[in-house]
Amino acid sequence: MASVTLNNLSKSYDGKQQVLSGIDLDIQHGEFVVLVGPSGCGKSTLLRMLCGLEEITGGEMQIDRRRVNDLPPAERGIAMVFQSYALYPHMTVYKNMAFGLRVAGEGKADIDRRIRHAAGILKIDHLLDRLPRALSGGQRQRVAIGRAIVREPKLFLFDEPLSNLDAALRVQTRLEIAKLHRELNATIVYVTHDQVEAMTLGDKIVVMHDGQIQQAGRPLELYQQPANLFVATFIGSPKMNLLDGYIRQIDTDHILVGLAGGQTVRAEVDGSNQLVGEAVTLGIRAEQLAEDTSHSEVFTGTVNIVEHLGEANYLYLMLDSGAELVVRGDGNRMIGRGEHIRISAPASAFHVFDQQGVALRRLCPGNVAGRH
């Protein structure tokens, strides 16, 4: 296992194109950290800097409290699993897993021990004599992971390892990676653009955008208390509903937000640093809206689209005010397009973001259940 510390890390090309800036991050021994964000946000570049494939422009990187800025990849104690399997097609699974160890000069007995141990963990011990062309996509990915395990590294790096798999294999392999983390108690840094992978795998999620860290924390923390509009709309599926409004009133335990059409919504957030009349954005998760009026904040609207998922359905509403909302409803309830319904939510469920997109502190974030 290894700890990782990044201090004010930056990356630019030709001194002009800034790819990463001001990256500060601490990764603890045995932690599973997921770097997530849209394409081009810098997450894969950061991973390549960790493994030594990209030079560091500025700042400091430490692995196990050792400065590694100028160390070559072979001296960093890391192993990387790439998006492509990159297996040698003419070598058996055994020889693919053994190749790096043989180049490093390891003994035959030790190589055999490591390969059979890794193959047992990944349940590919019956595949050791096969060539890559005789394997499924999921099996090839497990061989690539096994090739990393046999190196017994301090730090595992995964660069979108599931993106080439179909939906069913992604779920299966995701579970296997989670089990692997528990069995090895390994430190893992995992890159993905898929926020579902991030939420289900990570001990800590690092949300990136435009070469900067937007927020880092536990999955439920990011879901319940997003730092800004970008995190709020990136984490969670479907994304958070957003409504434009303004601050109508500020009290010690809540603010009142005025919406289009004259409706006023109570939100239990800290508005002590805001001004009455200031423009804000009101946010609410789809599962926090209920098809009843038992809560204090009520909306009415017409169903435009219904997505049936079995245990639940998603209702896409056009509110009477002209705004749109997505509601997670009961999958057993039959509801049709064009139906006019009333929905409600508790004041504790609302998020509020200021004009710069920064979230106001929610006073009761723990009241929001669920993790997507």
Foldseek 3Di string as FASTA:
>chain_A
DKKKWWAQWWDADPVPRTQAGGDTDIFDQLFEEEEAEDPSLCQVVVLCQLQANDATPDTFMDIRNHTCRPPHNVPNQEFECEQDLPFDQVAFLLCSLQVVVVVVPDDPVLSVVLLCVLCVLLVCNVRRGDGPVPDDLLSSLSSSVSSRRSSVGQEYEYENNCPVDDPVSSVVVLVSVQVVSVVVSHHYYYYDHDLVSNLVRGCKYFYGGSNYTQDIDGQLCLQLPPFFDVSQQSFDPNGWFKFKWFFAAADQQWTWTAGQPGDIAIARFGCPPDDGGFIKMKTAHQAQKAQDPPADFKWKFFFADWAQDPQWIWTWTQTPSRGIDIHIGGNVDDDDGGDITMIGGHNQRMWMAGPVRGTTGRPCSVVDDDHD
